[in-house]
């Protein structure tokens, strides 16, 4: 094997190693980012619908008792429902790192 072949072999090995150590993890990160973005979009839409549902339920169940000056109570009920939902979601989150265990 000539010195030129050895140098070419070393260069090819370094290129293959660099691709293995950069492209593979980058693809994994891109996949993780895509799933996270999609999940955040769906979760955000669900939270908006939950807030609207809580507001409408409060308005329907409250009847005319909470009309006029007390109409803000419906929004407080919706805010409480959303706050409880956020607290529950945060309490269920346990992943501290993206690294695999």
N, C-alpha and C. Protein backbone atom coordinates (compact mmCIF):
# COMPACT_ATOMS: atom_id res chain seq x y z
N UNK A 1 0.85 -1.17 0.00
CA UNK A 1 0.00 0.00 0.00
C UNK A 1 0.90 1.24 0.00
N UNK A 2 0.62 2.13 -0.91
CA UNK A 2 1.47 3.32 -1.05
C UNK A 2 1.06 4.38 -0.03
N UNK A 3 1.94 5.35 0.23
CA UNK A 3 1.60 6.43 1.16
C UNK A 3 0.38 7.24 0.73
N UNK A 4 0.19 7.39 -0.55
CA UNK A 4 -0.97 8.12 -1.05
C UNK A 4 -2.25 7.37 -0.71
N UNK A 5 -2.22 6.05 -0.87
CA UNK A 5 -3.39 5.24 -0.53
C UNK A 5 -3.69 5.32 0.96
N UNK A 6 -2.64 5.34 1.78
CA UNK A 6 -2.83 5.43 3.22
C UNK A 6 -3.47 6.76 3.61
N UNK A 7 -2.97 7.83 3.02
CA UNK A 7 -3.53 9.16 3.31
C UNK A 7 -4.99 9.23 2.85
N UNK A 8 -5.26 8.70 1.68
CA UNK A 8 -6.64 8.68 1.17
C UNK A 8 -7.53 7.87 2.08
N UNK A 9 -7.03 6.73 2.58
CA UNK A 9 -7.81 5.89 3.49
C UNK A 9 -8.09 6.63 4.81
N UNK A 10 -7.10 7.35 5.32
CA UNK A 10 -7.29 8.11 6.56
C UNK A 10 -8.31 9.23 6.34
N UNK A 11 -8.22 9.93 5.24
CA UNK A 11 -9.15 11.02 4.94
C UNK A 11 -10.57 10.47 4.81
N UNK A 12 -10.73 9.36 4.12
CA UNK A 12 -12.05 8.76 3.97
C UNK A 12 -12.60 8.28 5.32
N UNK A 13 -11.75 7.75 6.16
CA UNK A 13 -12.18 7.32 7.50
C UNK A 13 -12.63 8.50 8.34
N UNK A 14 -11.88 9.59 8.27
CA UNK A 14 -12.26 10.79 9.03
C UNK A 14 -13.58 11.36 8.52
N UNK A 15 -13.77 11.37 7.21
CA UNK A 15 -15.04 11.85 6.64
C UNK A 15 -16.21 10.98 7.09
N UNK A 16 -16.04 9.68 7.03
CA UNK A 16 -17.10 8.77 7.44
C UNK A 16 -17.43 8.94 8.92
N UNK A 17 -16.39 9.10 9.73
CA UNK A 17 -16.61 9.30 11.17
C UNK A 17 -17.34 10.62 11.42
N UNK A 18 -16.94 11.69 10.73
CA UNK A 18 -17.58 12.99 10.92
C UNK A 18 -19.06 12.93 10.52
N UNK A 19 -19.36 12.25 9.42
CA UNK A 19 -20.75 12.13 8.99
C UNK A 19 -21.54 11.32 10.02
N UNK A 20 -20.95 10.24 10.51
CA UNK A 20 -21.62 9.39 11.50
C UNK A 20 -21.92 10.16 12.78
N UNK A 21 -21.01 10.99 13.21
CA UNK A 21 -21.17 11.70 14.48
C UNK A 21 -21.95 13.01 14.37
N UNK A 22 -22.20 13.50 13.17
CA UNK A 22 -22.94 14.76 13.02
C UNK A 22 -24.31 14.58 12.37
N UNK A 23 -24.35 13.85 11.27
CA UNK A 23 -25.60 13.72 10.52
C UNK A 23 -26.61 12.86 11.28
N UNK A 24 -26.16 11.75 11.86
CA UNK A 24 -27.07 10.88 12.61
C UNK A 24 -27.74 11.60 13.77
N UNK A 25 -26.98 12.22 14.67
CA UNK A 25 -27.61 12.97 15.76
C UNK A 25 -28.46 14.14 15.27
N UNK A 26 -28.06 14.78 14.19
CA UNK A 26 -28.86 15.90 13.67
C UNK A 26 -30.21 15.41 13.17
N UNK A 27 -30.23 14.24 12.54
CA UNK A 27 -31.51 13.68 12.09
C UNK A 27 -32.39 13.34 13.29
N UNK A 28 -31.77 12.78 14.32
CA UNK A 28 -32.53 12.46 15.53
C UNK A 28 -33.10 13.72 16.18
N UNK A 29 -32.31 14.77 16.21
CA UNK A 29 -32.78 16.03 16.79
C UNK A 29 -33.89 16.65 15.95
N UNK A 30 -33.76 16.55 14.64
CA UNK A 30 -34.81 17.09 13.75
C UNK A 30 -36.12 16.32 13.94
N UNK A 31 -36.02 15.01 14.09
CA UNK A 31 -37.22 14.20 14.31
C UNK A 31 -37.86 14.57 15.65
N UNK A 32 -37.02 14.72 16.67
CA UNK A 32 -37.52 15.08 18.00
C UNK A 32 -38.19 16.46 17.95
N UNK A 33 -37.58 17.39 17.24
CA UNK A 33 -38.14 18.73 17.10
C UNK A 33 -39.47 18.71 16.35
N UNK A 34 -39.56 17.90 15.31
CA UNK A 34 -40.80 17.82 14.53
C UNK A 34 -41.93 17.25 15.39
N UNK A 35 -41.66 16.18 16.12
CA UNK A 35 -42.69 15.61 16.99
C UNK A 35 -43.08 16.58 18.09
N UNK A 36 -42.10 17.27 18.66
CA UNK A 36 -42.39 18.24 19.71
C UNK A 36 -43.24 19.40 19.21
N UNK A 37 -42.94 19.89 18.03
CA UNK A 37 -43.69 20.99 17.45
C UNK A 37 -45.13 20.57 17.16
N UNK A 38 -45.29 19.38 16.59
CA UNK A 38 -46.62 18.88 16.30
C UNK A 38 -47.42 18.66 17.59
N UNK A 39 -46.78 18.10 18.60
CA UNK A 39 -47.45 17.89 19.88
C UNK A 39 -47.85 19.22 20.52
N UNK A 40 -46.97 20.21 20.46
CA UNK A 40 -47.28 21.52 21.03
C UNK A 40 -48.45 22.17 20.31
N UNK A 41 -48.52 22.01 19.00
CA UNK A 41 -49.63 22.56 18.23
C UNK A 41 -50.95 21.91 18.64
N UNK A 42 -50.96 20.58 18.74
CA UNK A 42 -52.17 19.88 19.14
C UNK A 42 -52.56 20.19 20.59
N UNK A 43 -51.57 20.23 21.47
CA UNK A 43 -51.86 20.53 22.87
C UNK A 43 -52.38 21.96 23.02
N UNK A 44 -51.80 22.89 22.30
CA UNK A 44 -52.27 24.28 22.35
C UNK A 44 -53.70 24.41 21.86
N UNK A 45 -54.01 23.73 20.77
CA UNK A 45 -55.38 23.75 20.25
C UNK A 45 -56.34 23.14 21.26
N UNK A 46 -55.94 22.04 21.87
CA UNK A 46 -56.78 21.40 22.88
C UNK A 46 -57.02 22.28 24.09
N UNK A 47 -56.00 23.00 24.52
CA UNK A 47 -56.14 23.89 25.68
C UNK A 47 -57.07 25.05 25.35
N UNK A 48 -56.97 25.57 24.15
CA UNK A 48 -57.89 26.65 23.75
C UNK A 48 -59.33 26.15 23.76
N UNK A 49 -59.55 24.96 23.19
CA UNK A 49 -60.90 24.40 23.19
C UNK A 49 -61.39 24.10 24.60
N UNK A 50 -60.50 23.63 25.47
CA UNK A 50 -60.87 23.38 26.86
C UNK A 50 -61.29 24.67 27.56
N UNK A 51 -60.54 25.74 27.33
CA UNK A 51 -60.89 27.03 27.92
C UNK A 51 -62.24 27.53 27.42
N UNK A 52 -62.47 27.41 26.12
CA UNK A 52 -63.76 27.83 25.56
C UNK A 52 -64.90 26.97 26.09
N UNK A 53 -64.65 25.67 26.23
CA UNK A 53 -65.69 24.78 26.76
C UNK A 53 -66.02 25.13 28.21
N UNK A 54 -64.99 25.42 29.00
CA UNK A 54 -65.23 25.79 30.40
C UNK A 54 -66.01 27.11 30.48
N UNK A 55 -65.67 28.04 29.62
CA UNK A 55 -66.37 29.33 29.59
C UNK A 55 -67.84 29.14 29.20
N UNK A 56 -68.08 28.38 28.13
CA UNK A 56 -69.46 28.17 27.68
C UNK A 56 -70.28 27.39 28.70
N UNK A 57 -69.65 26.38 29.33
CA UNK A 57 -70.36 25.61 30.35
C UNK A 57 -70.73 26.49 31.53
N UNK A 58 -69.81 27.35 31.93
CA UNK A 58 -70.09 28.27 33.03
C UNK A 58 -71.21 29.24 32.66
N UNK A 59 -71.19 29.73 31.44
CA UNK A 59 -72.23 30.66 31.00
C UNK A 59 -73.58 29.97 30.91
N UNK A 60 -73.60 28.73 30.43
CA UNK A 60 -74.88 28.01 30.33
C UNK A 60 -75.39 27.59 31.69
N UNK A 61 -74.50 27.09 32.55
CA UNK A 61 -74.92 26.61 33.87
C UNK A 61 -75.27 27.77 34.80
N UNK A 62 -74.62 28.91 34.60
CA UNK A 62 -74.86 30.06 35.47
C UNK A 62 -76.20 30.73 35.22
N UNK A 63 -76.73 30.56 34.05
CA UNK A 63 -78.01 31.17 33.71
C UNK A 63 -77.93 32.68 33.77
N UNK A 64 -78.99 33.28 34.25
CA UNK A 64 -79.04 34.74 34.31
C UNK A 64 -78.55 35.28 35.65
N UNK A 65 -78.19 34.38 36.57
CA UNK A 65 -77.73 34.81 37.90
C UNK A 65 -76.44 35.62 37.79
N UNK A 66 -75.54 35.21 36.87
CA UNK A 66 -74.24 35.86 36.76
C UNK A 66 -74.18 36.82 35.57
N UNK A 67 -75.27 37.43 35.22
CA UNK A 67 -75.27 38.41 34.13
C UNK A 67 -74.98 39.80 34.69
N UNK A 68 -74.68 40.71 33.80
CA UNK A 68 -74.46 42.10 34.22
C UNK A 68 -73.11 42.27 34.89
N UNK A 69 -73.12 42.80 36.11
CA UNK A 69 -71.88 43.14 36.81
C UNK A 69 -71.11 41.89 37.23
N UNK A 70 -71.75 40.73 37.29
CA UNK A 70 -71.09 39.49 37.71
C UNK A 70 -70.64 38.63 36.54
N UNK A 71 -70.67 39.15 35.34
CA UNK A 71 -70.33 38.34 34.17
C UNK A 71 -68.85 37.94 34.14
N UNK A 72 -68.01 38.62 34.90
CA UNK A 72 -66.58 38.29 34.94
C UNK A 72 -66.33 36.93 35.60
N UNK A 73 -67.29 36.45 36.39
CA UNK A 73 -67.12 35.18 37.09
C UNK A 73 -66.93 34.03 36.11
N UNK A 74 -67.59 34.09 34.97
CA UNK A 74 -67.44 33.04 33.96
C UNK A 74 -65.98 32.94 33.50
N UNK A 75 -65.36 34.08 33.33
CA UNK A 75 -63.96 34.09 32.89
C UNK A 75 -63.04 33.61 34.00
N UNK A 76 -63.37 33.90 35.25
CA UNK A 76 -62.59 33.38 36.37
C UNK A 76 -62.69 31.86 36.44
N UNK A 77 -63.88 31.33 36.20
CA UNK A 77 -64.06 29.87 36.20
C UNK A 77 -63.21 29.24 35.10
N UNK A 78 -63.23 29.83 33.92
CA UNK A 78 -62.42 29.30 32.81
C UNK A 78 -60.93 29.40 33.15
N UNK A 79 -60.50 30.49 33.78
CA UNK A 79 -59.10 30.64 34.16
C UNK A 79 -58.69 29.61 35.20
N UNK A 80 -59.57 29.32 36.13
CA UNK A 80 -59.28 28.30 37.15
C UNK A 80 -59.15 26.93 36.50
N UNK A 81 -60.06 26.60 35.60
CA UNK A 81 -59.99 25.31 34.91
C UNK A 81 -58.67 25.19 34.14
N UNK A 82 -58.29 26.24 33.45
CA UNK A 82 -57.03 26.21 32.69
C UNK A 82 -55.83 26.14 33.62
N UNK A 83 -55.89 26.84 34.76
CA UNK A 83 -54.79 26.80 35.72
C UNK A 83 -54.62 25.40 36.30
N UNK A 84 -55.72 24.74 36.61
CA UNK A 84 -55.65 23.37 37.12
C UNK A 84 -55.08 22.44 36.05
N UNK A 85 -55.47 22.65 34.80
CA UNK A 85 -54.95 21.84 33.71
C UNK A 85 -53.45 22.02 33.55
N UNK A 86 -52.97 23.26 33.63
CA UNK A 86 -51.53 23.52 33.52
C UNK A 86 -50.79 22.90 34.69
N UNK A 87 -51.32 23.04 35.90
CA UNK A 87 -50.68 22.46 37.08
C UNK A 87 -50.61 20.94 36.97
N UNK A 88 -51.67 20.33 36.48
CA UNK A 88 -51.67 18.88 36.30
C UNK A 88 -50.64 18.46 35.25
N UNK A 89 -50.57 19.18 34.16
CA UNK A 89 -49.61 18.86 33.11
C UNK A 89 -48.17 19.01 33.62
N UNK A 90 -47.90 20.06 34.36
CA UNK A 90 -46.55 20.26 34.88
C UNK A 90 -46.19 19.22 35.93
N UNK A 91 -47.17 18.77 36.69
CA UNK A 91 -46.87 17.75 37.70
C UNK A 91 -46.57 16.40 37.06
N UNK A 92 -47.08 16.16 35.86
CA UNK A 92 -46.86 14.89 35.18
C UNK A 92 -45.60 14.89 34.33
N UNK A 93 -44.95 16.03 34.18
CA UNK A 93 -43.74 16.12 33.38
C UNK A 93 -42.55 15.75 34.22
N UNK A 94 -41.81 14.71 33.80
CA UNK A 94 -40.68 14.27 34.60
C UNK A 94 -39.39 14.18 33.82
N UNK A 95 -39.42 14.34 32.53
CA UNK A 95 -38.21 14.22 31.71
C UNK A 95 -37.35 15.46 31.88
N UNK A 96 -36.15 15.27 32.43
CA UNK A 96 -35.26 16.39 32.71
C UNK A 96 -34.24 16.61 31.59
N UNK A 97 -34.03 15.61 30.74
CA UNK A 97 -32.98 15.71 29.74
C UNK A 97 -33.42 15.00 28.47
N UNK A 98 -32.83 15.39 27.37
CA UNK A 98 -33.11 14.74 26.10
C UNK A 98 -32.25 13.49 25.91
N UNK A 99 -31.23 13.34 26.74
CA UNK A 99 -30.33 12.20 26.61
C UNK A 99 -31.05 10.92 27.00
N UNK A 100 -30.74 9.86 26.28
CA UNK A 100 -31.35 8.57 26.59
C UNK A 100 -30.67 8.00 27.83
N UNK A 101 -31.49 7.41 28.69
CA UNK A 101 -30.94 6.83 29.92
C UNK A 101 -30.45 5.43 29.71
